[in-house]
C-alpha atoms as a PDB file:
ATOM      1  CA  MET A   1     115.351 -93.238 -90.253  1.00  0.00           C
ATOM      2  CA  LYS A   2     113.307 -96.316 -89.512  1.00  0.00           C
ATOM      3  CA  THR A   3     110.227 -95.807 -87.345  1.00  0.00           C
ATOM      4  CA  LYS A   4     110.714 -98.770 -84.982  1.00  0.00           C
ATOM      5  CA  PRO A   5     113.820-100.045 -83.154  1.00  0.00           C
ATOM      6  CA  ASN A   6     113.079-103.651 -84.071  1.00  0.00           C
ATOM      7  CA  GLN A   7     113.708-102.722 -87.745  1.00  0.00           C
ATOM      8  CA  TYR A   8     117.448-102.479 -86.984  1.00  0.00           C
ATOM      9  CA  LYS A   9     120.121-105.152 -86.981  1.00  0.00           C
ATOM     10  CA  ILE A  10     121.813-103.730 -83.804  1.00  0.00           C
ATOM     11  CA  ILE A  11     120.407-101.827 -80.845  1.00  0.00           C
ATOM     12  CA  LEU A  12     122.689-100.004 -78.448  1.00  0.00           C
ATOM     13  CA  TRP A  13     121.033 -99.441 -75.041  1.00  0.00           C
ATOM     14  CA  ASP A  14     121.609 -96.926 -72.337  1.00  0.00           C
ATOM     15  CA  PHE A  15     121.220 -98.488 -68.898  1.00  0.00           C
ATOM     16  CA  ASP A  16     120.071 -96.026 -66.239  1.00  0.00           C
ATOM     17  CA  GLY A  17     116.508 -94.921 -66.774  1.00  0.00           C
ATOM     18  CA  VAL A  18     116.083 -97.189 -69.772  1.00  0.00           C
ATOM     19  CA  ILE A  19     116.634-100.748 -68.534  1.00  0.00           C
ATOM     20  CA  VAL A  20     116.784-100.031 -64.814  1.00  0.00           C
ATOM     21  CA  GLU A  21     114.879 -97.260 -62.990  1.00  0.00           C
ATOM     22  CA  SER A  22     117.965 -96.212 -61.103  1.00  0.00           C
ATOM     23  CA  ASN A  23     118.038 -92.418 -61.283  1.00  0.00           C
ATOM     24  CA  LYS A  24     116.792 -91.862 -57.708  1.00  0.00           C
ATOM     25  CA  VAL A  25     119.200 -94.481 -56.414  1.00  0.00           C
ATOM     26  CA  ARG A  26     122.091 -92.773 -58.199  1.00  0.00           C
ATOM     27  CA  GLU A  27     121.035 -89.455 -56.678  1.00  0.00           C
ATOM     28  CA  PHE A  28     121.079 -91.056 -53.254  1.00  0.00           C
ATOM     29  CA  GLY A  29     124.561 -92.371 -53.936  1.00  0.00           C
ATOM     30  CA  PHE A  30     125.969 -88.938 -54.708  1.00  0.00           C
ATOM     31  CA  ARG A  31     124.350 -87.496 -51.569  1.00  0.00           C
ATOM     32  CA  LYS A  32     125.826 -90.295 -49.449  1.00  0.00           C
ATOM     33  CA  VAL A  33     129.366 -90.094 -50.882  1.00  0.00           C
ATOM     34  CA  LEU A  34     129.465 -86.294 -50.517  1.00  0.00           C
ATOM     35  CA  GLU A  35     127.529 -86.026 -47.238  1.00  0.00           C
ATOM     36  CA  GLN A  36     130.393 -84.191 -45.454  1.00  0.00           C
ATOM     37  CA  PHE A  37     130.029 -81.220 -47.822  1.00  0.00           C
ATOM     38  CA  PRO A  38     127.584 -78.290 -47.427  1.00  0.00           C
ATOM     39  CA  GLN A  39     124.030 -79.130 -48.527  1.00  0.00           C
ATOM     40  CA  SER A  40     123.952 -76.221 -50.992  1.00  0.00           C
ATOM     41  CA  GLN A  41     126.978 -77.624 -52.862  1.00  0.00           C
ATOM     42  CA  ILE A  42     125.479 -81.144 -52.925  1.00  0.00           C
ATOM     43  CA  GLU A  43     122.260 -79.700 -54.410  1.00  0.00           C
ATOM     44  CA  GLU A  44     124.263 -78.052 -57.179  1.00  0.00           C
ATOM     45  CA  LEU A  45     125.830 -81.410 -57.989  1.00  0.00           C
ATOM     46  CA  ILE A  46     122.434 -83.165 -57.969  1.00  0.00           C
ATOM     47  CA  LYS A  47     121.136 -80.567 -60.407  1.00  0.00           C
ATOM     48  CA  PHE A  48     124.107 -81.166 -62.703  1.00  0.00           C
ATOM     49  CA  HIS A  49     123.659 -84.917 -62.350  1.00  0.00           C
ATOM     50  CA  ASN A  50     119.999 -84.776 -63.339  1.00  0.00           C
ATOM     51  CA  LEU A  51     120.687 -82.537 -66.318  1.00  0.00           C
ATOM     52  CA  ASN A  52     123.484 -84.819 -67.548  1.00  0.00           C
ATOM     53  CA  GLY A  53     122.192 -88.306 -67.072  1.00  0.00           C
ATOM     54  CA  GLY A  54     124.592 -89.867 -69.605  1.00  0.00           C
ATOM     55  CA  LEU A  55     127.779 -88.496 -68.112  1.00  0.00           C
ATOM     56  CA  SER A  56     129.885 -90.760 -65.922  1.00  0.00           C
ATOM     57  CA  ARG A  57     130.356 -90.390 -62.190  1.00  0.00           C
ATOM     58  CA  TYR A  58     134.056 -89.638 -62.892  1.00  0.00           C
ATOM     59  CA  VAL A  59     133.054 -86.476 -64.742  1.00  0.00           C
ATOM     60  CA  LYS A  60     130.485 -85.542 -62.131  1.00  0.00           C
ATOM     61  CA  PHE A  61     132.854 -85.888 -59.138  1.00  0.00           C
ATOM     62  CA  ARG A  62     135.479 -83.854 -60.927  1.00  0.00           C
ATOM     63  CA  TYR A  63     132.849 -81.229 -61.780  1.00  0.00           C
ATOM     64  CA  PHE A  64     131.808 -81.106 -58.143  1.00  0.00           C
ATOM     65  CA  TYR A  65     135.295 -80.355 -56.918  1.00  0.00           C
ATOM     66  CA  GLU A  66     136.520 -78.106 -59.702  1.00  0.00           C
ATOM     67  CA  GLU A  67     133.397 -76.165 -60.667  1.00  0.00           C
ATOM     68  CA  ILE A  68     131.279 -76.185 -57.529  1.00  0.00           C
ATOM     69  CA  CYS A  69     133.860 -76.298 -54.737  1.00  0.00           C
ATOM     70  CA  LYS A  70     136.504 -74.419 -56.768  1.00  0.00           C
ATOM     71  CA  SER A  71     139.086 -76.926 -55.607  1.00  0.00           C
ATOM     72  CA  THR A  72     141.423 -79.477 -57.114  1.00  0.00           C
ATOM     73  CA  ILE A  73     141.107 -83.229 -57.147  1.00  0.00           C
ATOM     74  CA  SER A  74     143.524 -85.934 -58.329  1.00  0.00           C
ATOM     75  CA  ASN A  75     142.684 -88.881 -60.510  1.00  0.00           C
ATOM     76  CA  GLU A  76     143.258 -91.151 -57.520  1.00  0.00           C
ATOM     77  CA  GLN A  77     140.750 -89.174 -55.437  1.00  0.00           C
ATOM     78  CA  VAL A  78     138.206 -89.355 -58.202  1.00  0.00           C
ATOM     79  CA  GLN A  79     138.708 -93.108 -58.355  1.00  0.00           C
ATOM     80  CA  ASP A  80     138.290 -93.432 -54.584  1.00  0.00           C
ATOM     81  CA  LEU A  81     134.950 -91.534 -54.735  1.00  0.00           C
ATOM     82  CA  ALA A  82     133.839 -93.646 -57.707  1.00  0.00           C
ATOM     83  CA  ASN A  83     134.692 -96.852 -55.828  1.00  0.00           C
ATOM     84  CA  LEU A  84     132.668 -95.758 -52.795  1.00  0.00           C
ATOM     85  CA  PHE A  85     129.760 -94.781 -55.059  1.00  0.00           C
ATOM     86  CA  SER A  86     129.986 -98.187 -56.775  1.00  0.00           C
ATOM     87  CA  GLU A  87     129.766-100.027 -53.451  1.00  0.00           C
ATOM     88  CA  ILE A  88     126.520 -98.204 -52.692  1.00  0.00           C
ATOM     89  CA  MET A  89     125.133 -98.962 -56.141  1.00  0.00           C
ATOM     90  CA  LEU A  90     125.958-102.670 -55.958  1.00  0.00           C
ATOM     91  CA  ASP A  91     124.219-102.899 -52.582  1.00  0.00           C
ATOM     92  CA  SER A  92     121.132-101.046 -53.867  1.00  0.00           C
ATOM     93  CA  LEU A  93     120.597-101.822 -57.508  1.00  0.00           C
ATOM     94  CA  GLY A  94     120.942-105.598 -57.618  1.00  0.00           C
ATOM     95  CA  SER A  95     117.224-106.116 -56.982  1.00  0.00           C
ATOM     96  CA  LYS A  96     114.937-106.935 -59.892  1.00  0.00           C
ATOM     97  CA  GLU A  97     112.332-104.527 -58.565  1.00  0.00           C
ATOM     98  CA  TYR A  98     114.253-101.740 -60.319  1.00  0.00           C
ATOM     99  CA  LEU A  99     114.046-103.377 -63.789  1.00  0.00           C
ATOM    100  CA  ILE A 100     111.790-101.447 -66.213  1.00  0.00           C
ATOM    101  CA  LYS A 101     109.484-104.238 -67.283  1.00  0.00           C
ATOM    102  CA  ASP A 102     108.285-102.495 -70.443  1.00  0.00           C
ATOM    103  CA  ALA A 103     111.797-102.311 -71.853  1.00  0.00           C
ATOM    104  CA  LEU A 104     112.861-105.687 -70.456  1.00  0.00           C
ATOM    105  CA  LYS A 105     110.017-107.513 -72.184  1.00  0.00           C
ATOM    106  CA  PHE A 106     111.046-106.016 -75.525  1.00  0.00           C
ATOM    107  CA  ILE A 107     114.732-106.905 -74.941  1.00  0.00           C
ATOM    108  CA  GLU A 108     113.926-110.516 -74.005  1.00  0.00           C
ATOM    109  CA  SER A 109     111.567-110.950 -76.916  1.00  0.00           C
ATOM    110  CA  ASN A 110     113.996-109.620 -79.519  1.00  0.00           C
ATOM    111  CA  SER A 111     117.512-110.395 -78.339  1.00  0.00           C
ATOM    112  CA  ASN A 112     117.732-113.594 -80.375  1.00  0.00           C
ATOM    113  CA  ALA A 113     116.849-111.772 -83.615  1.00  0.00           C
ATOM    114  CA  ILE A 114     118.571-108.418 -82.973  1.00  0.00           C
ATOM    115  CA  GLU A 115     122.121-107.989 -81.717  1.00  0.00           C
ATOM    116  CA  MET A 116     122.000-105.883 -78.553  1.00  0.00           C
ATOM    117  CA  SER A 117     124.704-104.192 -76.468  1.00  0.00           C
ATOM    118  CA  ILE A 118     124.820-101.703 -73.597  1.00  0.00           C
ATOM    119  CA  VAL A 119     126.719 -98.417 -73.803  1.00  0.00           C
ATOM    120  CA  SER A 120     126.357 -96.634 -70.501  1.00  0.00           C
ATOM    121  CA  GLY A 121     127.726 -93.818 -68.365  1.00  0.00           C
ATOM    122  CA  SER A 122     127.754 -96.220 -65.421  1.00  0.00           C
ATOM    123  CA  ASP A 123     131.037 -97.806 -64.334  1.00  0.00           C
ATOM    124  CA  GLN A 124     131.772-100.740 -66.611  1.00  0.00           C
ATOM    125  CA  ASN A 125     132.759-103.268 -63.927  1.00  0.00           C
ATOM    126  CA  GLU A 126     129.773-102.327 -61.759  1.00  0.00           C
ATOM    127  CA  LEU A 127     127.487-102.543 -64.792  1.00  0.00           C
ATOM    128  CA  ARG A 128     128.596-106.040 -65.663  1.00  0.00           C
ATOM    129  CA  ILE A 129     128.142-107.227 -62.073  1.00  0.00           C
ATOM    130  CA  LEU A 130     124.644-105.706 -61.889  1.00  0.00           C
ATOM    131  CA  CYS A 131     123.581-107.226 -65.226  1.00  0.00           C
ATOM    132  CA  SER A 132     124.750-110.615 -64.010  1.00  0.00           C
ATOM    133  CA  ARG A 133     122.903-110.327 -60.694  1.00  0.00           C
ATOM    134  CA  LEU A 134     119.778-109.170 -62.494  1.00  0.00           C
ATOM    135  CA  GLU A 135     120.187-112.110 -64.921  1.00  0.00           C
ATOM    136  CA  ILE A 136     119.903-109.900 -67.996  1.00  0.00           C
ATOM    137  CA  ASP A 137     123.485-110.129 -69.236  1.00  0.00           C
ATOM    138  CA  LYS A 138     122.615-113.033 -71.526  1.00  0.00           C
ATOM    139  CA  ASN A 139     120.621-110.636 -73.703  1.00  0.00           C
ATOM    140  CA  PHE A 140     123.604-108.467 -74.610  1.00  0.00           C
ATOM    141  CA  LYS A 141     126.631-109.187 -76.769  1.00  0.00           C
ATOM    142  CA  PHE A 142     128.707-106.421 -75.155  1.00  0.00           C
ATOM    143  CA  ILE A 143     128.349-104.389 -71.956  1.00  0.00           C
ATOM    144  CA  TYR A 144     130.358-101.195 -72.065  1.00  0.00           C
ATOM    145  CA  GLY A 145     130.595 -98.381 -69.537  1.00  0.00           C
ATOM    146  CA  SER A 146     132.662 -95.603 -68.046  1.00  0.00           C
ATOM    147  CA  PRO A 147     135.238 -94.221 -67.466  1.00  0.00           C
ATOM    148  CA  THR A 148     135.285 -94.185 -71.300  1.00  0.00           C
ATOM    149  CA  PRO A 149     132.856 -91.375 -72.398  1.00  0.00           C
ATOM    150  CA  LYS A 150     129.729 -92.550 -74.145  1.00  0.00           C
ATOM    151  CA  ASN A 151     130.566 -90.786 -77.393  1.00  0.00           C
ATOM    152  CA  LYS A 152     133.762 -92.816 -77.588  1.00  0.00           C
ATOM    153  CA  LEU A 153     132.081 -96.054 -76.487  1.00  0.00           C
ATOM    154  CA  VAL A 154     129.723 -95.743 -79.471  1.00  0.00           C
ATOM    155  CA  ALA A 155     132.575 -94.766 -81.848  1.00  0.00           C
ATOM    156  CA  ASP A 156     134.715 -97.713 -80.674  1.00  0.00           C
ATOM    157  CA  PHE A 157     131.745-100.074 -81.148  1.00  0.00           C
ATOM    158  CA  LEU A 158     131.158 -98.826 -84.703  1.00  0.00           C
ATOM    159  CA  ASN A 159     134.823 -99.385 -85.521  1.00  0.00           C
ATOM    160  CA  THR A 160     134.539-103.074 -84.585  1.00  0.00           C
ATOM    161  CA  THR A 161     131.228-104.006 -86.283  1.00  0.00           C
ATOM    162  CA  THR A 162     130.677-104.930 -89.920  1.00  0.00           C
ATOM    163  CA  PHE A 163     127.128-103.542 -89.891  1.00  0.00           C
ATOM    164  CA  LYS A 164     126.453-100.193 -91.504  1.00  0.00           C
ATOM    165  CA  ASN A 165     125.478 -97.161 -89.418  1.00  0.00           C
ATOM    166  CA  GLU A 166     121.983 -97.133 -90.852  1.00  0.00           C
ATOM    167  CA  GLU A 167     121.479-100.626 -89.430  1.00  0.00           C
ATOM    168  CA  ILE A 168     122.282 -99.474 -85.876  1.00  0.00           C
ATOM    169  CA  CYS A 169     120.292 -97.361 -83.442  1.00  0.00           C
ATOM    170  CA  LEU A 170     120.715 -96.166 -79.863  1.00  0.00           C
ATOM    171  CA  ILE A 171     117.916 -96.036 -77.245  1.00  0.00           C
ATOM    172  CA  GLY A 172     118.438 -93.596 -74.350  1.00  0.00           C
ATOM    173  CA  ASP A 173     116.786 -91.249 -71.917  1.00  0.00           C
ATOM    174  CA  SER A 174     119.096 -88.209 -71.960  1.00  0.00           C
ATOM    175  CA  MET A 175     120.497 -85.523 -74.232  1.00  0.00           C
ATOM    176  CA  ASN A 176     123.893 -87.109 -73.760  1.00  0.00           C
ATOM    177  CA  ASP A 177     122.512 -90.260 -75.407  1.00  0.00           C
ATOM    178  CA  PHE A 178     121.084 -88.199 -78.264  1.00  0.00           C
ATOM    179  CA  GLU A 179     124.407 -86.450 -78.749  1.00  0.00           C
ATOM    180  CA  ALA A 180     126.342 -89.706 -78.696  1.00  0.00           C
ATOM    181  CA  ALA A 181     124.081 -91.065 -81.446  1.00  0.00           C
ATOM    182  CA  SER A 182     124.184 -87.845 -83.510  1.00  0.00           C
ATOM    183  CA  ILE A 183     127.927 -87.416 -83.335  1.00  0.00           C
ATOM    184  CA  ASN A 184     128.403 -91.008 -84.482  1.00  0.00           C
ATOM    185  CA  ASN A 185     125.741 -90.739 -87.211  1.00  0.00           C
ATOM    186  CA  ILE A 186     123.361 -93.422 -85.999  1.00  0.00           C
ATOM    187  CA  ASP A 187     119.622 -93.129 -85.322  1.00  0.00           C
ATOM    188  CA  PHE A 188     118.295 -92.297 -81.903  1.00  0.00           C
ATOM    189  CA  PHE A 189     115.128 -93.332 -80.018  1.00  0.00           C
ATOM    190  CA  GLY A 190     114.208 -91.446 -76.849  1.00  0.00           C
ATOM    191  CA  TYR A 191     112.553 -93.278 -73.974  1.00  0.00           C
ATOM    192  CA  ASN A 192     111.332 -92.592 -70.457  1.00  0.00           C
ATOM    193  CA  ASN A 193     111.999 -88.840 -70.686  1.00  0.00           C
ATOM    194  CA  PRO A 194     109.290 -86.692 -72.368  1.00  0.00           C
ATOM    195  CA  GLU A 195     111.826 -83.869 -72.869  1.00  0.00           C
ATOM    196  CA  LEU A 196     113.301 -85.938 -75.696  1.00  0.00           C
ATOM    197  CA  LYS A 197     110.117 -85.960 -77.792  1.00  0.00           C
ATOM    198  CA  ASN A 198     111.610 -83.460 -80.224  1.00  0.00           C
ATOM    199  CA  PHE A 199     114.793 -85.500 -80.731  1.00  0.00           C
ATOM    200  CA  GLY A 200     114.709 -88.571 -82.946  1.00  0.00           C
ATOM    201  CA  ILE A 201     111.647 -90.794 -82.478  1.00  0.00           C
ATOM    202  CA  TYR A 202     110.144 -91.072 -79.020  1.00  0.00           C
ATOM    203  CA  ILE A 203     109.017 -94.437 -77.593  1.00  0.00           C
ATOM    204  CA  ASN A 204     106.063 -94.022 -75.229  1.00  0.00           C
ATOM    205  CA  SER A 205     105.888 -97.721 -74.576  1.00  0.00           C
ATOM    206  CA  PHE A 206     107.561-100.750 -76.201  1.00  0.00           C
ATOM    207  CA  GLU A 207     104.175-102.481 -76.021  1.00  0.00           C
ATOM    208  CA  LEU A 208     103.052-100.151 -78.856  1.00  0.00           C
ATOM    209  CA  ILE A 209     105.818-101.371 -81.175  1.00  0.00           C
END
């Protein structure tokens, strides 16, 4: 494993908590969409959400109904909830104030020399709109998101590139990101979550690279 992400030919980036400080906004979104449910059930979902940052909203809404509420939910209902959630996110996250300047500076300084793409648990259409509004889409070759699980997003990317796995790394802030990298046999760098310091190499600040 190389010791710095700028030693790789390709960097795959998570989005939430890595490029944009959006975790609190996402939490607000879940509370708003599910506000008609008992507070205790919403808190269970928030706990699950915070422990599984890399999972998509589709998985989380289904988990809420099936595991917390002990109920059933159709694919159409999941999509309706995801659409409502996306509306809230597009209204809230399009501001540059949420950009993580430490990571953004590294991305903008290296995107001409290193191929970069986003693989995120966020909804793909929403993600592309946000990146365009934030004027950061030009830094990324591909922007991929849910409902495709992150493990498969990474696997699909690897199947389309001519670069070797050892030339590719993933930067993320959750165990789901670490698992996506490990399952697909690429290196992982943790960022913006001290709990990841024992997994891969941890980046305290891109300014130190």
